Amino acid sequence: MAQRYYWKGYLKLSLVTCPVIMMPATSESEKVRFHTLNRETGNRVVSQYVDSVSGEPVKEEDEAKGYARGENDYVILTEDDLDRVALDTVKTIDIDKFVQAETIEWVYLEKPHYLMPGDAVGNEAFAVIRDAMKADKVVGVSRVVMGRRERAVILEPRDEGIVLWTLRFGNEIRPEDSYFEDIEKESDPDLVPLVQELIEKKSAHWSPDMVRDPIQTSLLNLIEEKKKTLKPKKSAKGKNSKTEPKSNVINIMDALRSSVDAELKARKTR
């Protein structure tokens, strides 16, 4: 069955390359979302940018990005300025390093994506990279370009596929010490067994039902009741056709041998 992918490119380890596709592991498409309407006409309300001083509407061609350097003082950046610092749309996830999975702190993990072979030709190379990481209990460290932004990522083998996690950058992480420093380091040893008894009584097997959203369910029920009094509108969906790029996959055994030989030669010359 054809899949609609979020990102398409190549997974590369030294000379071993295989086509891959990637899709977010989470989705917010099922969330109930509302539009703002004009109660009298039932039409949607359209937002518009206006000048904060004159109150006049701003034309789209006159809009610009601004970085505040003081009160009512901005450095203006045009689309041309932003294009100069934008990265090329690299379509390769080149694994640069491997680290032990448990050494990565959870707070760096941002968003998970499912990574899988892009076609049958790349299945073998994909499986070899996945199983080698599983055997050594490591994750791959790499970077990938999404839109205009380059993201640091890790690749974690999971079942038959690979989970790609985008990572937060170091300057986005708040140090935990400043929040936990005033908490008691030791608890009352007489009270711990009592809490352990409570934990044992409340222990259960994990289920997705434990994180079900009751408000979402109530909203859906309410909407269904409202829909019974309305006639549903039909919406036409267009189809997008995309041209498949040519594969650049090479023989996996030759690539692996060449990669190992190149690494050995590099070590001898050090």
Protein backbone atom coordinates (compact mmCIF):
# COMPACT_ATOMS: atom_id res chain seq x y z
CA MET A 1 0.00 0.00 0.00
CA ALA A 2 1.42 3.42 -0.97
CA GLN A 3 2.28 5.62 2.00
CA ARG A 4 2.24 9.40 2.24
CA TYR A 5 5.62 10.26 3.68
CA TYR A 6 6.74 13.36 5.57
CA TRP A 7 10.38 13.21 4.40
CA LYS A 8 12.16 11.16 1.75
CA GLY A 9 15.86 10.69 1.15
CA TYR A 10 18.74 8.33 1.92
CA LEU A 11 20.23 6.69 5.00
CA LYS A 12 24.01 6.52 4.71
CA LEU A 13 26.69 4.74 6.76
CA SER A 14 30.11 5.12 5.16
CA LEU A 15 29.65 3.62 1.66
CA VAL A 16 26.38 1.84 2.50
CA THR A 17 23.36 3.81 1.30
CA CYS A 18 19.68 2.97 1.13
CA PRO A 19 16.54 4.97 0.26
CA VAL A 20 14.31 5.75 3.24
CA ILE A 21 11.06 7.51 4.03
CA MET A 22 10.14 9.13 7.32
CA MET A 23 6.85 9.96 8.99
CA PRO A 24 6.05 11.51 12.39
CA ALA A 25 5.30 8.87 15.02
CA THR A 26 2.69 11.14 16.60
CA SER A 27 -0.27 12.98 15.13
CA GLU A 28 -2.55 15.80 16.19
CA SER A 29 -4.91 15.41 13.24
CA GLU A 30 -7.51 13.69 15.42
CA LYS A 31 -7.71 16.59 17.86
CA VAL A 32 -10.90 18.61 17.81
CA ARG A 33 -10.13 22.01 16.28
CA PHE A 34 -12.40 25.00 15.92
CA HIS A 35 -12.61 27.87 13.42
CA THR A 36 -13.73 31.35 14.45
CA LEU A 37 -16.99 32.25 12.71
CA ASN A 38 -19.28 35.22 12.33
CA ARG A 39 -22.26 34.11 14.40
CA GLU A 40 -24.73 36.11 12.26
CA THR A 41 -23.59 34.87 8.82
CA GLY A 42 -21.89 31.58 9.67
CA ASN A 43 -18.86 32.64 7.61
CA ARG A 44 -15.27 32.15 8.77
CA VAL A 45 -13.47 35.15 10.23
CA VAL A 46 -10.20 35.96 8.43
CA SER A 47 -7.28 37.42 10.37
CA GLN A 48 -5.30 40.33 8.96
CA TYR A 49 -2.05 42.09 9.90
CA VAL A 50 -2.46 45.79 10.74
CA ASP A 51 0.11 48.46 11.59
CA SER A 52 0.22 48.81 15.38
CA VAL A 53 0.52 52.61 15.15
CA SER A 54 -1.55 53.65 12.13
CA GLY A 55 -4.07 50.83 12.36
CA GLU A 56 -3.92 50.41 8.58
CA PRO A 57 -3.85 46.90 6.99
CA VAL A 58 -0.37 45.79 5.87
CA LYS A 59 0.01 44.32 2.39
CA GLU A 60 1.64 40.89 2.18
CA GLU A 61 4.56 42.22 0.10
CA ASP A 62 5.30 44.79 2.82
CA GLU A 63 5.56 42.22 5.65
CA ALA A 64 9.06 41.53 7.01
CA LYS A 65 10.70 39.66 9.88
CA GLY A 66 12.07 41.80 12.70
CA TYR A 67 14.42 41.03 15.59
CA ALA A 68 13.85 43.28 18.60
CA ARG A 69 17.02 45.03 19.86
CA GLY A 70 15.16 47.51 22.02
CA GLU A 71 11.73 48.98 22.65
CA ASN A 72 10.14 49.75 19.26
CA ASP A 73 13.56 49.18 17.68
CA TYR A 74 13.99 46.26 15.28
CA VAL A 75 16.55 44.76 12.93
CA ILE A 76 14.58 43.98 9.76
CA LEU A 77 15.36 40.76 7.86
CA THR A 78 14.04 40.20 4.35
CA GLU A 79 13.36 36.89 2.66
CA ASP A 80 16.64 37.33 0.74
CA ASP A 81 18.49 37.71 4.05
CA LEU A 82 16.94 34.52 5.37
CA ASP A 83 17.74 32.65 2.15
CA ARG A 84 21.43 33.45 2.59
CA VAL A 85 21.61 31.52 5.87
CA ALA A 86 19.20 28.75 4.84
CA LEU A 87 20.75 25.32 4.41
CA ASP A 88 20.50 23.39 1.20
CA THR A 89 17.79 20.74 1.33
CA VAL A 90 20.07 17.80 1.99
CA LYS A 91 18.26 14.53 1.47
CA THR A 92 20.78 12.30 3.23
CA ILE A 93 20.91 11.13 6.85
CA ASP A 94 24.63 10.43 7.19
CA ILE A 95 25.35 8.54 10.44
CA ASP A 96 28.45 10.22 11.86
CA LYS A 97 28.82 8.59 15.28
CA PHE A 98 27.36 5.89 17.52
CA VAL A 99 26.76 6.23 21.26
CA GLN A 100 25.33 4.00 23.97
CA ALA A 101 21.57 4.59 24.06
CA GLU A 102 21.39 5.05 27.84
CA THR A 103 23.89 7.93 27.79
CA ILE A 104 21.42 10.31 26.11
CA GLU A 105 19.36 12.20 28.69
CA TRP A 106 15.61 12.04 28.11
CA VAL A 107 15.26 15.82 28.18
CA TYR A 108 17.11 16.08 24.85
CA LEU A 109 14.55 13.89 23.05
CA GLU A 110 12.07 16.10 21.22
CA LYS A 111 9.88 14.39 18.62
CA PRO A 112 9.85 10.78 17.33
CA HIS A 113 9.58 9.77 13.67
CA TYR A 114 9.31 6.37 12.02
CA LEU A 115 12.10 5.63 9.53
CA MET A 116 11.68 2.78 7.06
CA PRO A 117 13.06 1.62 3.69
CA GLY A 118 11.89 3.70 0.73
CA ASP A 119 11.70 0.69 -1.59
CA ALA A 120 12.38 -3.05 -1.68
CA VAL A 121 15.91 -2.53 -3.06
CA GLY A 122 17.02 -0.81 0.13
CA ASN A 123 15.55 -3.37 2.52
CA GLU A 124 18.76 -5.38 2.99
CA ALA A 125 21.03 -2.40 3.67
CA PHE A 126 18.44 -0.92 6.05
CA ALA A 127 18.11 -4.21 7.95
CA VAL A 128 21.89 -4.63 8.30
CA ILE A 129 22.33 -1.14 9.78
CA ARG A 130 19.35 -1.68 12.12
CA ASP A 131 20.47 -5.11 13.37
CA ALA A 132 24.09 -3.99 13.87
CA MET A 133 22.90 -1.15 16.13
CA LYS A 134 20.65 -3.58 18.00
CA ALA A 135 23.49 -6.03 18.57
CA ASP A 136 25.81 -3.35 19.97
CA LYS A 137 22.98 -1.58 21.88
CA VAL A 138 23.86 1.77 20.35
CA VAL A 139 22.04 4.58 18.57
CA GLY A 140 23.30 6.52 15.57
CA VAL A 141 23.95 10.26 15.76
CA SER A 142 23.32 12.37 12.67
CA ARG A 143 21.72 15.52 11.29
CA VAL A 144 18.85 16.07 8.91
CA VAL A 145 17.47 19.15 7.19
CA MET A 146 13.75 19.73 7.72
CA GLY A 147 12.54 22.83 5.94
CA ARG A 148 15.09 25.58 6.53
CA ARG A 149 16.42 24.15 9.78
CA GLU A 150 19.09 21.53 10.35
CA ARG A 151 18.20 19.23 13.23
CA ALA A 152 20.42 17.01 15.33
CA VAL A 153 18.91 13.51 15.47
CA ILE A 154 19.52 10.04 16.84
CA LEU A 155 18.47 6.79 15.17
CA GLU A 156 17.18 4.11 17.51
CA PRO A 157 16.50 0.57 16.22
CA ARG A 158 12.99 -0.49 17.17
CA ASP A 159 11.43 -3.83 16.12
CA GLU A 160 11.77 -4.04 12.30
CA GLY A 161 12.23 -0.30 11.83
CA ILE A 162 14.18 2.66 13.17
CA VAL A 163 12.84 5.50 15.29
CA LEU A 164 14.44 8.83 14.47
CA TRP A 165 14.30 11.32 17.34
CA THR A 166 14.90 15.02 16.71
CA LEU A 167 16.94 16.48 19.57
CA ARG A 168 16.73 19.74 21.42
CA PHE A 169 19.88 21.85 21.29
CA GLY A 170 21.92 22.38 24.44
CA ASN A 171 20.88 26.02 24.82
CA GLU A 172 17.24 24.90 24.97
CA ILE A 173 17.78 22.72 28.06
CA ARG A 174 17.29 24.19 31.52
CA PRO A 175 19.63 22.68 34.16
CA GLU A 176 17.67 20.57 36.62
CA ASP A 177 19.90 21.48 39.59
CA SER A 178 18.42 24.96 39.84
CA TYR A 179 14.94 23.44 40.31
CA PHE A 180 15.72 20.40 42.46
CA GLU A 181 18.37 21.85 44.81
CA ASP A 182 15.96 22.65 47.66
CA ILE A 183 14.27 19.23 47.69
CA GLU A 184 15.08 16.84 50.55
CA LYS A 185 17.83 14.43 49.53
CA GLU A 186 16.72 11.66 51.91
CA SER A 187 13.19 10.56 52.77
CA ASP A 188 11.84 8.98 55.96
CA PRO A 189 12.86 5.28 55.76
CA ASP A 190 9.78 4.27 57.78
CA LEU A 191 7.40 5.80 55.26
CA VAL A 192 8.95 4.36 52.11
CA PRO A 193 7.61 0.78 52.67
CA LEU A 194 4.08 2.17 53.10
CA VAL A 195 4.28 3.98 49.76
CA GLN A 196 5.70 0.81 48.20
CA GLU A 197 2.59 -1.05 49.33
CA LEU A 198 0.43 1.56 47.62
CA ILE A 199 2.52 1.27 44.47
CA GLU A 200 2.11 -2.51 44.44
CA LYS A 201 -1.67 -2.26 44.81
CA LYS A 202 -1.93 0.29 42.01
CA SER A 203 0.51 -1.40 39.62
CA ALA A 204 -0.87 -2.45 36.23
CA HIS A 205 0.24 -3.23 32.69
CA TRP A 206 0.66 -0.17 30.50
CA SER A 207 -2.21 0.60 28.16
CA PRO A 208 -2.85 3.55 25.79
CA ASP A 209 -6.21 3.89 27.55
CA MET A 210 -4.31 5.38 30.50
CA VAL A 211 -3.69 8.54 28.48
CA ARG A 212 -7.11 8.90 26.86
CA ASP A 213 -8.43 12.47 26.65
CA PRO A 214 -11.93 12.65 28.23
CA ILE A 215 -12.51 16.23 27.00
CA GLN A 216 -11.82 15.11 23.44
CA THR A 217 -14.38 12.31 23.78
CA SER A 218 -17.00 14.68 25.21
CA LEU A 219 -16.41 17.20 22.42
CA LEU A 220 -16.77 14.52 19.74
CA ASN A 221 -20.05 13.34 21.28
CA LEU A 222 -21.31 16.92 21.39
CA ILE A 223 -20.33 17.51 17.75
CA GLU A 224 -22.09 14.31 16.67
CA GLU A 225 -25.26 15.52 18.34
CA LYS A 226 -24.98 18.86 16.54
CA LYS A 227 -24.27 17.17 13.18
CA LYS A 228 -27.57 15.30 13.33
CA THR A 229 -29.37 18.60 12.75
CA LEU A 230 -27.14 19.66 9.83
CA LYS A 231 -26.56 18.42 6.30
CA PRO A 232 -22.91 17.44 5.76
CA LYS A 233 -21.00 19.29 3.02
CA LYS A 234 -19.02 17.32 0.48
CA SER A 235 -15.39 18.32 -0.07
CA ALA A 236 -13.32 17.44 -3.13
CA LYS A 237 -9.77 16.23 -2.61
CA GLY A 238 -7.06 16.73 -5.20
CA LYS A 239 -4.38 14.21 -5.98
CA ASN A 240 -0.70 15.11 -6.11
CA SER A 241 1.62 13.16 -8.34
CA LYS A 242 5.31 12.96 -7.52
CA THR A 243 8.18 11.75 -9.63
CA GLU A 244 10.25 9.01 -8.01
CA PRO A 245 13.99 9.79 -7.90
CA LYS A 246 16.43 7.27 -9.27
CA SER A 247 18.01 4.96 -6.72
CA ASN A 248 21.72 5.28 -5.97
CA VAL A 249 21.97 2.04 -3.97
CA ILE A 250 25.19 0.05 -4.42
CA ASN A 251 25.92 -3.56 -3.54
CA ILE A 252 25.80 -3.77 0.24
CA MET A 253 28.59 -6.36 0.68
CA ASP A 254 30.97 -4.37 -1.52
CA ALA A 255 30.10 -1.20 0.35
CA LEU A 256 30.64 -2.81 3.75
CA ARG A 257 34.00 -4.31 2.75
CA SER A 258 35.14 -0.98 1.27
CA SER A 259 34.00 0.89 4.39
CA VAL A 260 35.88 -1.43 6.75
CA ASP A 261 39.02 -1.36 4.56
CA ALA A 262 38.94 2.43 4.43
CA GLU A 263 38.59 2.63 8.22
CA LEU A 264 41.51 0.24 8.76
CA LYS A 265 43.73 2.20 6.38
CA ALA A 266 42.81 5.43 8.13
CA ARG A 267 43.81 3.96 11.51
CA LYS A 268 47.20 2.77 10.17
CA THR A 269 48.06 6.24 8.91
CA ARG A 270 47.26 7.92 12.22
